[in-house]
Structures are given as C-alpha cells and as structure tokens.
Amino acid sequence: MSEQRPNPSFERDRPEAACPSTLLQGLPQFRIAGSLTRYWDGKLIAVIVSGYDGDGAAAMCGIKQVGGITIAQKLSTAKQPDMPESAIESGCIDFILSPEAIAQEIVRIARAEA
C-alpha cells in the first residue's frame, strides 16, 4: 500500500495549505511558483535540480521578479540537466551550485535572515 500525500487545494490559484512545502508534492512548478509569488509574503528561496523538461524556468523568473532568491543545480552534477539548464538560460538564476553547496547556501541565507 502506498503512502498518501497531502493534496493541497487551490482557491482561485491561491494555496490553502498551512505550509508552502506541502504544495511541492505532485504539482507543476509553474503553478506552485505562481501561487507563491502572489500570496506568500515570506522570503522565497527556489531551487531547481536535475530533471526533464524546462517548465521550472518560468517559475524561477516569477520568484526572482518578486525578490526571491533562485538557485539552480550545477549542470555537471545533474543526472538529467534539462531543468537546471533551462532555468540558467532564462537569466533568472542567482546561484549555480552543486547539491552540497546548495544546502550550504540555504543555511547561509537562513542565518542571515534570522
């Protein structure tokens, strides 16, 4: 039996989940980012990692436009570089880092915000 994941609801594309991290399970990135850029008033940090397709590039640009920080996985470390490559090519990425450096940068940002 597979574990059921939360299924956040959207009212007029507004996230209705208590915590934005619950939105990430099974929803397209562009829809998540669109809702977060319109309704989330906290600090946004978006990370795009290895994967197929380029639908995350527009999402990253939306997050950058509202003052969020955008991070893409370094292409040489990505098993499938399509998603980070598209995001990097969009010009909307603040940092291009290895997975280990991504974690370190998020910690640095979080500490600076505290």
PDB file of N, CA and C in Angstrom:
ATOM      1  N   MET A   1       0.844  -1.173   0.000  1.00  0.00           N
ATOM      2  CA  MET A   1       0.000   0.000   0.000  1.00  0.00           C
ATOM      3  C   MET A   1       0.892   1.241   0.000  1.00  0.00           C
ATOM      4  N   SER A   2       0.610   2.177  -0.885  1.00  0.00           N
ATOM      5  CA  SER A   2       1.427   3.386  -0.956  1.00  0.00           C
ATOM      6  C   SER A   2       0.918   4.441   0.022  1.00  0.00           C
ATOM      7  N   GLU A   3       1.848   5.241   0.476  1.00  0.00           N
ATOM      8  CA  GLU A   3       1.528   6.313   1.419  1.00  0.00           C
ATOM      9  C   GLU A   3       0.820   7.437   0.676  1.00  0.00           C
ATOM     10  N   GLN A   4      -0.258   7.956   1.258  1.00  0.00           N
ATOM     11  CA  GLN A   4      -0.959   9.068   0.637  1.00  0.00           C
ATOM     12  C   GLN A   4      -0.293  10.371   1.033  1.00  0.00           C
ATOM     13  N   ARG A   5      -0.141  11.249   0.049  1.00  0.00           N
ATOM     14  CA  ARG A   5       0.455  12.549   0.304  1.00  0.00           C
ATOM     15  C   ARG A   5      -0.645  13.595   0.409  1.00  0.00           C
ATOM     16  N   PRO A   6      -0.349  14.702   1.112  1.00  0.00           N
ATOM     17  CA  PRO A   6      -1.349  15.759   1.198  1.00  0.00           C
ATOM     18  C   PRO A   6      -1.700  16.295  -0.186  1.00  0.00           C
ATOM     19  N   ASN A   7      -2.917  16.657  -0.371  1.00  0.00           N
ATOM     20  CA  ASN A   7      -3.359  17.224  -1.628  1.00  0.00           C
ATOM     21  C   ASN A   7      -3.867  18.638  -1.362  1.00  0.00           C
ATOM     22  N   PRO A   8      -2.979  19.640  -1.425  1.00  0.00           N
ATOM     23  CA  PRO A   8      -3.411  20.993  -1.109  1.00  0.00           C
ATOM     24  C   PRO A   8      -4.436  21.479  -2.115  1.00  0.00           C
ATOM     25  N   SER A   9      -5.375  22.263  -1.636  1.00  0.00           N
ATOM     26  CA  SER A   9      -6.381  22.799  -2.534  1.00  0.00           C
ATOM     27  C   SER A   9      -6.008  24.223  -2.934  1.00  0.00           C
ATOM     28  N   PHE A  10      -6.497  24.633  -4.075  1.00  0.00           N
ATOM     29  CA  PHE A  10      -6.258  25.980  -4.557  1.00  0.00           C
ATOM     30  C   PHE A  10      -7.597  26.655  -4.744  1.00  0.00           C
ATOM     31  N   GLU A  11      -7.734  27.819  -4.175  1.00  0.00           N
ATOM     32  CA  GLU A  11      -8.927  28.617  -4.376  1.00  0.00           C
ATOM     33  C   GLU A  11      -8.501  29.818  -5.198  1.00  0.00           C
ATOM     34  N   ARG A  12      -8.984  29.897  -6.421  1.00  0.00           N
ATOM     35  CA  ARG A  12      -8.544  30.933  -7.351  1.00  0.00           C
ATOM     36  C   ARG A  12      -7.027  30.959  -7.442  1.00  0.00           C
ATOM     37  N   ASP A  13      -6.417  29.787  -7.506  1.00  0.00           N
ATOM     38  CA  ASP A  13      -4.980  29.593  -7.630  1.00  0.00           C
ATOM     39  C   ASP A  13      -4.219  30.017  -6.379  1.00  0.00           C
ATOM     40  N   ARG A  14      -4.898  30.213  -5.261  1.00  0.00           N
ATOM     41  CA  ARG A  14      -4.240  30.579  -4.013  1.00  0.00           C
ATOM     42  C   ARG A  14      -4.019  29.322  -3.183  1.00  0.00           C
ATOM     43  N   PRO A  15      -2.801  29.120  -2.687  1.00  0.00           N
ATOM     44  CA  PRO A  15      -2.565  27.919  -1.888  1.00  0.00           C
ATOM     45  C   PRO A  15      -3.341  27.976  -0.585  1.00  0.00           C
ATOM     46  N   GLU A  16      -3.955  26.875  -0.228  1.00  0.00           N
ATOM     47  CA  GLU A  16      -4.734  26.808   1.005  1.00  0.00           C
ATOM     48  C   GLU A  16      -4.067  25.918   2.036  1.00  0.00           C
ATOM     49  N   ALA A  17      -2.849  25.508   1.786  1.00  0.00           N
ATOM     50  CA  ALA A  17      -2.125  24.667   2.738  1.00  0.00           C
ATOM     51  C   ALA A  17      -1.508  25.551   3.814  1.00  0.00           C
ATOM     52  N   ALA A  18      -1.315  25.008   4.996  1.00  0.00           N
ATOM     53  CA  ALA A  18      -0.750  25.765   6.105  1.00  0.00           C
ATOM     54  C   ALA A  18       0.720  26.089   5.868  1.00  0.00           C
ATOM     55  N   CYS A  19       1.432  25.237   5.185  1.00  0.00           N
ATOM     56  CA  CYS A  19       2.857  25.424   4.963  1.00  0.00           C
ATOM     57  C   CYS A  19       3.140  25.230   3.478  1.00  0.00           C
ATOM     58  N   PRO A  20       3.859  26.176   2.839  1.00  0.00           N
ATOM     59  CA  PRO A  20       4.074  26.045   1.396  1.00  0.00           C
ATOM     60  C   PRO A  20       4.822  24.789   0.994  1.00  0.00           C
ATOM     61  N   SER A  21       5.599  24.197   1.872  1.00  0.00           N
ATOM     62  CA  SER A  21       6.332  22.996   1.482  1.00  0.00           C
ATOM     63  C   SER A  21       5.398  21.841   1.152  1.00  0.00           C
ATOM     64  N   THR A  22       4.192  21.836   1.699  1.00  0.00           N
ATOM     65  CA  THR A  22       3.253  20.770   1.378  1.00  0.00           C
ATOM     66  C   THR A  22       2.734  20.906  -0.045  1.00  0.00           C
ATOM     67  N   LEU A  23       2.903  22.070  -0.643  1.00  0.00           N
ATOM     68  CA  LEU A  23       2.442  22.276  -2.016  1.00  0.00           C
ATOM     69  C   LEU A  23       3.319  21.593  -3.042  1.00  0.00           C
ATOM     70  N   LEU A  24       4.528  21.259  -2.680  1.00  0.00           N
ATOM     71  CA  LEU A  24       5.501  20.778  -3.640  1.00  0.00           C
ATOM     72  C   LEU A  24       5.264  19.351  -4.097  1.00  0.00           C
ATOM     73  N   GLN A  25       4.379  18.653  -3.478  1.00  0.00           N
ATOM     74  CA  GLN A  25       4.206  17.246  -3.791  1.00  0.00           C
ATOM     75  C   GLN A  25       3.197  17.060  -4.909  1.00  0.00           C
ATOM     76  N   GLY A  26       3.728  16.821  -6.112  1.00  0.00           N
ATOM     77  CA  GLY A  26       2.875  16.454  -7.229  1.00  0.00           C
ATOM     78  C   GLY A  26       2.280  17.587  -8.036  1.00  0.00           C
ATOM     79  N   LEU A  27       2.634  18.822  -7.762  1.00  0.00           N
ATOM     80  CA  LEU A  27       2.099  19.933  -8.537  1.00  0.00           C
ATOM     81  C   LEU A  27       3.172  20.502  -9.454  1.00  0.00           C
ATOM     82  N   PRO A  28       2.773  20.970 -10.639  1.00  0.00           N
ATOM     83  CA  PRO A  28       3.759  21.564 -11.537  1.00  0.00           C
ATOM     84  C   PRO A  28       4.403  22.795 -10.914  1.00  0.00           C
ATOM     85  N   GLN A  29       5.693  22.974 -11.170  1.00  0.00           N
ATOM     86  CA  GLN A  29       6.424  24.087 -10.569  1.00  0.00           C
ATOM     87  C   GLN A  29       5.841  25.437 -10.934  1.00  0.00           C
ATOM     88  N   PHE A  30       5.401  25.606 -12.182  1.00  0.00           N
ATOM     89  CA  PHE A  30       4.889  26.911 -12.578  1.00  0.00           C
ATOM     90  C   PHE A  30       3.641  27.281 -11.782  1.00  0.00           C
ATOM     91  N   ARG A  31       2.845  26.293 -11.411  1.00  0.00           N
ATOM     92  CA  ARG A  31       1.632  26.576 -10.641  1.00  0.00           C
ATOM     93  C   ARG A  31       1.980  26.913  -9.191  1.00  0.00           C
ATOM     94  N   ILE A  32       2.923  26.191  -8.630  1.00  0.00           N
ATOM     95  CA  ILE A  32       3.369  26.475  -7.270  1.00  0.00           C
ATOM     96  C   ILE A  32       3.933  27.883  -7.204  1.00  0.00           C
ATOM     97  N   ALA A  33       4.854  28.192  -8.096  1.00  0.00           N
ATOM     98  CA  ALA A  33       5.515  29.498  -8.084  1.00  0.00           C
ATOM     99  C   ALA A  33       4.513  30.619  -8.318  1.00  0.00           C
ATOM    100  N   GLY A  34       3.586  30.409  -9.222  1.00  0.00           N
ATOM    101  CA  GLY A  34       2.584  31.436  -9.481  1.00  0.00           C
ATOM    102  C   GLY A  34       1.780  31.767  -8.242  1.00  0.00           C
ATOM    103  N   SER A  35       1.372  30.767  -7.521  1.00  0.00           N
ATOM    104  CA  SER A  35       0.610  30.990  -6.292  1.00  0.00           C
ATOM    105  C   SER A  35       1.473  31.628  -5.214  1.00  0.00           C
ATOM    106  N   LEU A  36       2.686  31.136  -5.057  1.00  0.00           N
ATOM    107  CA  LEU A  36       3.555  31.682  -4.017  1.00  0.00           C
ATOM    108  C   LEU A  36       3.918  33.135  -4.290  1.00  0.00           C
ATOM    109  N   THR A  37       4.177  33.482  -5.539  1.00  0.00           N
ATOM    110  CA  THR A  37       4.559  34.860  -5.831  1.00  0.00           C
ATOM    111  C   THR A  37       3.395  35.818  -5.630  1.00  0.00           C
ATOM    112  N   ARG A  38       2.181  35.343  -5.710  1.00  0.00           N
ATOM    113  CA  ARG A  38       1.014  36.207  -5.498  1.00  0.00           C
ATOM    114  C   ARG A  38       0.578  36.282  -4.036  1.00  0.00           C
ATOM    115  N   TYR A  39       0.737  35.210  -3.277  1.00  0.00           N
ATOM    116  CA  TYR A  39       0.117  35.171  -1.969  1.00  0.00           C
ATOM    117  C   TYR A  39       1.045  34.967  -0.786  1.00  0.00           C
ATOM    118  N   TRP A  40       2.247  34.510  -0.990  1.00  0.00           N
ATOM    119  CA  TRP A  40       3.157  34.242   0.122  1.00  0.00           C
ATOM    120  C   TRP A  40       3.931  35.506   0.419  1.00  0.00           C
ATOM    121  N   ASP A  41       3.884  35.990   1.669  1.00  0.00           N
ATOM    122  CA  ASP A  41       4.578  37.236   1.982  1.00  0.00           C
ATOM    123  C   ASP A  41       5.893  37.001   2.717  1.00  0.00           C
ATOM    124  N   GLY A  42       6.314  35.774   2.804  1.00  0.00           N
ATOM    125  CA  GLY A  42       7.600  35.460   3.420  1.00  0.00           C
ATOM    126  C   GLY A  42       8.706  35.453   2.380  1.00  0.00           C
ATOM    127  N   LYS A  43       9.900  35.153   2.816  1.00  0.00           N
ATOM    128  CA  LYS A  43      11.058  35.074   1.925  1.00  0.00           C
ATOM    129  C   LYS A  43      10.937  33.825   1.055  1.00  0.00           C
ATOM    130  N   LEU A  44      11.175  33.968  -0.233  1.00  0.00           N
ATOM    131  CA  LEU A  44      11.126  32.838  -1.151  1.00  0.00           C
ATOM    132  C   LEU A  44      12.535  32.460  -1.586  1.00  0.00           C
ATOM    133  N   ILE A  45      12.851  31.190  -1.448  1.00  0.00           N
ATOM    134  CA  ILE A  45      14.081  30.630  -1.980  1.00  0.00           C
ATOM    135  C   ILE A  45      13.656  29.446  -2.833  1.00  0.00           C
ATOM    136  N   ALA A  46      13.992  29.498  -4.107  1.00  0.00           N
ATOM    137  CA  ALA A  46      13.604  28.422  -5.017  1.00  0.00           C
ATOM    138  C   ALA A  46      14.850  27.724  -5.535  1.00  0.00           C
ATOM    139  N   VAL A  47      14.789  26.397  -5.550  1.00  0.00           N
ATOM    140  CA  VAL A  47      15.905  25.583  -6.021  1.00  0.00           C
ATOM    141  C   VAL A  47      15.394  24.675  -7.128  1.00  0.00           C
ATOM    142  N   ILE A  48      16.100  24.668  -8.244  1.00  0.00           N
ATOM    143  CA  ILE A  48      15.734  23.771  -9.333  1.00  0.00           C
ATOM    144  C   ILE A  48      16.886  22.787  -9.533  1.00  0.00           C
ATOM    145  N   VAL A  49      16.540  21.513  -9.542  1.00  0.00           N
ATOM    146  CA  VAL A  49      17.553  20.458  -9.620  1.00  0.00           C
ATOM    147  C   VAL A  49      17.290  19.566 -10.821  1.00  0.00           C
ATOM    148  N   SER A  50      18.082  18.548 -10.954  1.00  0.00           N
ATOM    149  CA  SER A  50      18.043  17.601 -12.050  1.00  0.00           C
ATOM    150  C   SER A  50      16.621  17.171 -12.399  1.00  0.00           C
ATOM    151  N   GLY A  51      16.321  17.178 -13.688  1.00  0.00           N
ATOM    152  CA  GLY A  51      15.014  16.713 -14.126  1.00  0.00           C
ATOM    153  C   GLY A  51      14.786  17.010 -15.591  1.00  0.00           C
ATOM    154  N   TYR A  52      13.754  16.407 -16.150  1.00  0.00           N
ATOM    155  CA  TYR A  52      13.401  16.603 -17.550  1.00  0.00           C
ATOM    156  C   TYR A  52      12.506  17.824 -17.689  1.00  0.00           C
ATOM    157  N   ASP A  53      12.494  18.381 -18.894  1.00  0.00           N
ATOM    158  CA  ASP A  53      11.607  19.480 -19.256  1.00  0.00           C
ATOM    159  C   ASP A  53      12.164  20.802 -18.728  1.00  0.00           C
ATOM    160  N   GLY A  54      11.541  21.870 -19.129  1.00  0.00           N
ATOM    161  CA  GLY A  54      12.014  23.187 -18.717  1.00  0.00           C
ATOM    162  C   GLY A  54      10.940  24.033 -18.084  1.00  0.00           C
ATOM    163  N   ASP A  55       9.853  23.412 -17.568  1.00  0.00           N
ATOM    164  CA  ASP A  55       8.745  24.195 -17.024  1.00  0.00           C
ATOM    165  C   ASP A  55       9.130  24.993 -15.778  1.00  0.00           C
ATOM    166  N   GLY A  56      10.246  24.680 -15.161  1.00  0.00           N
ATOM    167  CA  GLY A  56      10.664  25.401 -13.971  1.00  0.00           C
ATOM    168  C   GLY A  56      11.287  26.752 -14.253  1.00  0.00           C
ATOM    169  N   ALA A  57      11.733  26.998 -15.491  1.00  0.00           N
ATOM    170  CA  ALA A  57      12.402  28.261 -15.815  1.00  0.00           C
ATOM    171  C   ALA A  57      11.482  29.455 -15.594  1.00  0.00           C
ATOM    172  N   ALA A  58      10.266  29.387 -16.079  1.00  0.00           N
ATOM    173  CA  ALA A  58       9.318  30.491 -15.890  1.00  0.00           C
ATOM    174  C   ALA A  58       8.999  30.687 -14.413  1.00  0.00           C
ATOM    175  N   ALA A  59       8.902  29.585 -13.689  1.00  0.00           N
ATOM    176  CA  ALA A  59       8.637  29.665 -12.255  1.00  0.00           C
ATOM    177  C   ALA A  59       9.768  30.390 -11.535  1.00  0.00           C
ATOM    178  N   MET A  60      11.004  30.071 -11.903  1.00  0.00           N
ATOM    179  CA  MET A  60      12.153  30.723 -11.277  1.00  0.00           C
ATOM    180  C   MET A  60      12.155  32.221 -11.577  1.00  0.00           C
ATOM    181  N   CYS A  61      11.806  32.597 -12.796  1.00  0.00           N
ATOM    182  CA  CYS A  61      11.751  34.019 -13.147  1.00  0.00           C
ATOM    183  C   CYS A  61      10.679  34.747 -12.333  1.00  0.00           C
ATOM    184  N   GLY A  62       9.545  34.104 -12.129  1.00  0.00           N
ATOM    185  CA  GLY A  62       8.492  34.716 -11.314  1.00  0.00           C
ATOM    186  C   GLY A  62       8.947  34.940  -9.883  1.00  0.00           C
ATOM    187  N   ILE A  63       9.644  33.982  -9.335  1.00  0.00           N
ATOM    188  CA  ILE A  63      10.148  34.105  -7.968  1.00  0.00           C
ATOM    189  C   ILE A  63      11.204  35.207  -7.895  1.00  0.00           C
ATOM    190  N   LYS A  64      12.089  35.267  -8.863  1.00  0.00           N
ATOM    191  CA  LYS A  64      13.121  36.315  -8.903  1.00  0.00           C
ATOM    192  C   LYS A  64      12.482  37.697  -9.018  1.00  0.00           C
ATOM    193  N   GLN A  65      11.424  37.822  -9.805  1.00  0.00           N
ATOM    194  CA  GLN A  65      10.756  39.113 -10.019  1.00  0.00           C
ATOM    195  C   GLN A  65      10.151  39.680  -8.744  1.00  0.00           C
ATOM    196  N   VAL A  66       9.770  38.826  -7.807  1.00  0.00           N
ATOM    197  CA  VAL A  66       9.200  39.323  -6.556  1.00  0.00           C
ATOM    198  C   VAL A  66      10.240  39.384  -5.441  1.00  0.00           C
ATOM    199  N   GLY A  67      11.514  39.314  -5.806  1.00  0.00           N
ATOM    200  CA  GLY A  67      12.574  39.466  -4.827  1.00  0.00           C
ATOM    201  C   GLY A  67      13.066  38.186  -4.196  1.00  0.00           C
ATOM    202  N   GLY A  68      12.628  37.052  -4.699  1.00  0.00           N
ATOM    203  CA  GLY A  68      13.090  35.778  -4.170  1.00  0.00           C
ATOM    204  C   GLY A  68      14.498  35.462  -4.631  1.00  0.00           C
ATOM    205  N   ILE A  69      15.088  34.478  -4.009  1.00  0.00           N
ATOM    206  CA  ILE A  69      16.427  34.013  -4.354  1.00  0.00           C
ATOM    207  C   ILE A  69      16.277  32.713  -5.126  1.00  0.00           C
ATOM    208  N   THR A  70      16.972  32.616  -6.250  1.00  0.00           N
ATOM    209  CA  THR A  70      16.857  31.439  -7.109  1.00  0.00           C
ATOM    210  C   THR A  70      18.192  30.728  -7.228  1.00  0.00           C
ATOM    211  N   ILE A  71      18.123  29.403  -7.143  1.00  0.00           N
ATOM    212  CA  ILE A  71      19.321  28.570  -7.183  1.00  0.00           C
ATOM    213  C   ILE A  71      19.076  27.427  -8.156  1.00  0.00           C
ATOM    214  N   ALA A  72      20.051  27.173  -9.008  1.00  0.00           N
ATOM    215  CA  ALA A  72      19.977  26.036  -9.934  1.00  0.00           C
ATOM    216  C   ALA A  72      21.138  25.091  -9.658  1.00  0.00           C
ATOM    217  N   GLN A  73      20.873  23.817  -9.847  1.00  0.00           N
ATOM    218  CA  GLN A  73      21.917  22.818  -9.689  1.00  0.00           C
ATOM    219  C   GLN A  73      22.946  22.967 -10.803  1.00  0.00           C
ATOM    220  N   LYS A  74      24.212  22.891 -10.448  1.00  0.00           N
ATOM    221  CA  LYS A  74      25.320  22.939 -11.403  1.00  0.00           C
ATOM    222  C   LYS A  74      25.138  21.792 -12.399  1.00  0.00           C
ATOM    223  N   LEU A  75      25.194  22.109 -13.690  1.00  0.00           N
ATOM    224  CA  LEU A  75      24.888  21.122 -14.723  1.00  0.00           C
ATOM    225  C   LEU A  75      25.764  19.881 -14.648  1.00  0.00           C
ATOM    226  N   SER A  76      27.019  20.047 -14.320  1.00  0.00           N
ATOM    227  CA  SER A  76      27.925  18.890 -14.285  1.00  0.00           C
ATOM    228  C   SER A  76      27.591  17.923 -13.152  1.00  0.00           C
ATOM    229  N   THR A  77      26.748  18.346 -12.218  1.00  0.00           N
ATOM    230  CA  THR A  77      26.355  17.462 -11.109  1.00  0.00           C
ATOM    231  C   THR A  77      24.956  16.883 -11.283  1.00  0.00           C
ATOM    232  N   ALA A  78      24.242  17.315 -12.319  1.00  0.00           N
ATOM    233  CA  ALA A  78      22.855  16.883 -12.532  1.00  0.00           C
ATOM    234  C   ALA A  78      22.815  15.618 -13.387  1.00  0.00           C
ATOM    235  N   LYS A  79      22.077  14.620 -12.922  1.00  0.00           N
ATOM    236  CA  LYS A  79      21.913  13.385 -13.695  1.00  0.00           C
ATOM    237  C   LYS A  79      21.163  13.690 -14.993  1.00  0.00           C
ATOM    238  N   GLN A  80      20.165  14.550 -14.924  1.00  0.00           N
ATOM    239  CA  GLN A  80      19.406  14.993 -16.088  1.00  0.00           C
ATOM    240  C   GLN A  80      19.368  16.525 -16.028  1.00  0.00           C
ATOM    241  N   PRO A  81      20.176  17.218 -16.821  1.00  0.00           N
ATOM    242  CA  PRO A  81      20.333  18.662 -16.671  1.00  0.00           C
ATOM    243  C   PRO A  81      19.291  19.548 -17.360  1.00  0.00           C
ATOM    244  N   ASP A  82      18.248  18.989 -17.977  1.00  0.00           N
ATOM    245  CA  ASP A  82      17.296  19.812 -18.723  1.00  0.00           C
ATOM    246  C   ASP A  82      16.699  20.955 -17.900  1.00  0.00           C
ATOM    247  N   MET A  83      16.189  20.645 -16.718  1.00  0.00           N
ATOM    248  CA  MET A  83      15.527  21.674 -15.916  1.00  0.00           C
ATOM    249  C   MET A  83      16.492  22.755 -15.434  1.00  0.00           C
ATOM    250  N   PRO A  84      17.608  22.398 -14.816  1.00  0.00           N
ATOM    251  CA  PRO A  84      18.501  23.483 -14.407  1.00  0.00           C
ATOM    252  C   PRO A  84      19.068  24.259 -15.601  1.00  0.00           C
ATOM    253  N   GLU A  85      19.321  23.584 -16.713  1.00  0.00           N
ATOM    254  CA  GLU A  85      19.851  24.263 -17.895  1.00  0.00           C
ATOM    255  C   GLU A  85      18.865  25.305 -18.417  1.00  0.00           C
ATOM    256  N   SER A  86      17.597  24.946 -18.516  1.00  0.00           N
ATOM    257  CA  SER A  86      16.573  25.898 -18.965  1.00  0.00           C
ATOM    258  C   SER A  86      16.475  27.086 -18.019  1.00  0.00           C
ATOM    259  N   ALA A  87      16.544  26.811 -16.733  1.00  0.00           N
ATOM    260  CA  ALA A  87      16.467  27.892 -15.750  1.00  0.00           C
ATOM    261  C   ALA A  87      17.671  28.819 -15.863  1.00  0.00           C
ATOM    262  N   ILE A  88      18.853  28.262 -16.008  1.00  0.00           N
ATOM    263  CA  ILE A  88      20.075  29.067 -16.144  1.00  0.00           C
ATOM    264  C   ILE A  88      19.992  29.925 -17.405  1.00  0.00           C
ATOM    265  N   GLU A  89      19.555  29.331 -18.504  1.00  0.00           N
ATOM    266  CA  GLU A  89      19.439  30.056 -19.770  1.00  0.00           C
ATOM    267  C   GLU A  89      18.429  31.198 -19.699  1.00  0.00           C
ATOM    268  N   SER A  90      17.466  31.121 -18.770  1.00  0.00           N
ATOM    269  CA  SER A  90      16.461  32.180 -18.631  1.00  0.00           C
ATOM    270  C   SER A  90      17.059  33.473 -18.091  1.00  0.00           C
ATOM    271  N   GLY A  91      18.214  33.371 -17.445  1.00  0.00           N
ATOM    272  CA  GLY A  91      18.835  34.550 -16.850  1.00  0.00           C
ATOM    273  C   GLY A  91      18.264  34.918 -15.491  1.00  0.00           C
ATOM    274  N   CYS A  92      17.444  34.061 -14.929  1.00  0.00           N
ATOM    275  CA  CYS A  92      16.771  34.357 -13.665  1.00  0.00           C
ATOM    276  C   CYS A  92      17.361  33.625 -12.461  1.00  0.00           C
ATOM    277  N   ILE A  93      18.569  33.150 -12.580  1.00  0.00           N
ATOM    278  CA  ILE A  93      19.178  32.357 -11.511  1.00  0.00           C
ATOM    279  C   ILE A  93      20.255  33.175 -10.799  1.00  0.00           C
ATOM    280  N   ASP A  94      20.180  33.198  -9.470  1.00  0.00           N
ATOM    281  CA  ASP A  94      21.172  33.919  -8.668  1.00  0.00           C
ATOM    282  C   ASP A  94      22.429  33.095  -8.430  1.00  0.00           C
ATOM    283  N   PHE A  95      22.268  31.791  -8.193  1.00  0.00           N
ATOM    284  CA  PHE A  95      23.389  30.918  -7.864  1.00  0.00           C
ATOM    285  C   PHE A  95      23.291  29.634  -8.676  1.00  0.00           C
ATOM    286  N   ILE A  96      24.431  29.154  -9.168  1.00  0.00           N
ATOM    287  CA  ILE A  96      24.527  27.857  -9.834  1.00  0.00           C
ATOM    288  C   ILE A  96      25.511  27.045  -9.005  1.00  0.00           C
ATOM    289  N   LEU A  97      24.992  26.019  -8.312  1.00  0.00           N
ATOM    290  CA  LEU A  97      25.781  25.337  -7.290  1.00  0.00           C
ATOM    291  C   LEU A  97      25.611  23.822  -7.340  1.00  0.00           C
ATOM    292  N   SER A  98      26.582  23.126  -6.766  1.00  0.00           N
ATOM    293  CA  SER A  98      26.460  21.679  -6.574  1.00  0.00           C
ATOM    294  C   SER A  98      25.415  21.425  -5.487  1.00  0.00           C
ATOM    295  N   PRO A  99      24.881  20.211  -5.395  1.00  0.00           N
ATOM    296  CA  PRO A  99      23.905  19.924  -4.331  1.00  0.00           C
ATOM    297  C   PRO A  99      24.431  20.265  -2.932  1.00  0.00           C
ATOM    298  N   GLU A 100      25.671  19.949  -2.667  1.00  0.00           N
ATOM    299  CA  GLU A 100      26.242  20.242  -1.351  1.00  0.00           C
ATOM    300  C   GLU A 100      26.292  21.745  -1.106  1.00  0.00           C
ATOM    301  N   ALA A 101      26.717  22.500  -2.122  1.00  0.00           N
ATOM    302  CA  ALA A 101      26.799  23.954  -1.988  1.00  0.00           C
ATOM    303  C   ALA A 101      25.411  24.592  -1.904  1.00  0.00           C
ATOM    304  N   ILE A 102      24.405  23.979  -2.542  1.00  0.00           N
ATOM    305  CA  ILE A 102      23.020  24.469  -2.423  1.00  0.00           C
ATOM    306  C   ILE A 102      22.601  24.433  -0.958  1.00  0.00           C
ATOM    307  N   ALA A 103      22.837  23.313  -0.309  1.00  0.00           N
ATOM    308  CA  ALA A 103      22.474  23.180   1.106  1.00  0.00           C
ATOM    309  C   ALA A 103      23.189  24.234   1.947  1.00  0.00           C
ATOM    310  N   GLN A 104      24.464  24.419   1.701  1.00  0.00           N
ATOM    311  CA  GLN A 104      25.236  25.410   2.455  1.00  0.00           C
ATOM    312  C   GLN A 104      24.718  26.824   2.214  1.00  0.00           C
ATOM    313  N   GLU A 105      24.355  27.140   0.997  1.00  0.00           N
ATOM    314  CA  GLU A 105      23.852  28.484   0.681  1.00  0.00           C
ATOM    315  C   GLU A 105      22.502  28.740   1.337  1.00  0.00           C
ATOM    316  N   ILE A 106      21.640  27.745   1.357  1.00  0.00           N
ATOM    317  CA  ILE A 106      20.339  27.909   2.023  1.00  0.00           C
ATOM    318  C   ILE A 106      20.546  28.162   3.513  1.00  0.00           C
ATOM    319  N   VAL A 107      21.456  27.434   4.135  1.00  0.00           N
ATOM    320  CA  VAL A 107      21.758  27.660   5.555  1.00  0.00           C
ATOM    321  C   VAL A 107      22.294  29.072   5.749  1.00  0.00           C
ATOM    322  N   ARG A 108      23.204  29.515   4.876  1.00  0.00           N
ATOM    323  CA  ARG A 108      23.771  30.865   4.988  1.00  0.00           C
ATOM    324  C   ARG A 108      22.672  31.926   4.880  1.00  0.00           C
ATOM    325  N   ILE A 109      21.777  31.763   3.910  1.00  0.00           N
ATOM    326  CA  ILE A 109      20.676  32.716   3.720  1.00  0.00           C
ATOM    327  C   ILE A 109      19.763  32.727   4.946  1.00  0.00           C
ATOM    328  N   ALA A 110      19.420  31.535   5.440  1.00  0.00           N
ATOM    329  CA  ALA A 110      18.531  31.439   6.596  1.00  0.00           C
ATOM    330  C   ALA A 110      19.155  32.115   7.828  1.00  0.00           C
ATOM    331  N   ARG A 111      20.432  31.902   8.028  1.00  0.00           N
ATOM    332  CA  ARG A 111      21.112  32.535   9.174  1.00  0.00           C
ATOM    333  C   ARG A 111      21.171  34.048   9.016  1.00  0.00           C
ATOM    334  N   ALA A 112      21.370  34.521   7.806  1.00  0.00           N
ATOM    335  CA  ALA A 112      21.430  35.970   7.562  1.00  0.00           C
ATOM    336  C   ALA A 112      20.071  36.620   7.796  1.00  0.00           C
ATOM    337  N   GLU A 113      19.000  35.880   7.537  1.00  0.00           N
ATOM    338  CA  GLU A 113      17.640  36.393   7.717  1.00  0.00           C
ATOM    339  C   GLU A 113      17.188  36.366   9.176  1.00  0.00           C
ATOM    340  N   ALA A 114      17.841  35.540   9.990  1.00  0.00           N
ATOM    341  CA  ALA A 114      17.409  35.377  11.392  1.00  0.00           C
ATOM    342  C   ALA A 114      17.751  36.566  12.249  1.00  0.00           C
TER     343      ALA A 114
END
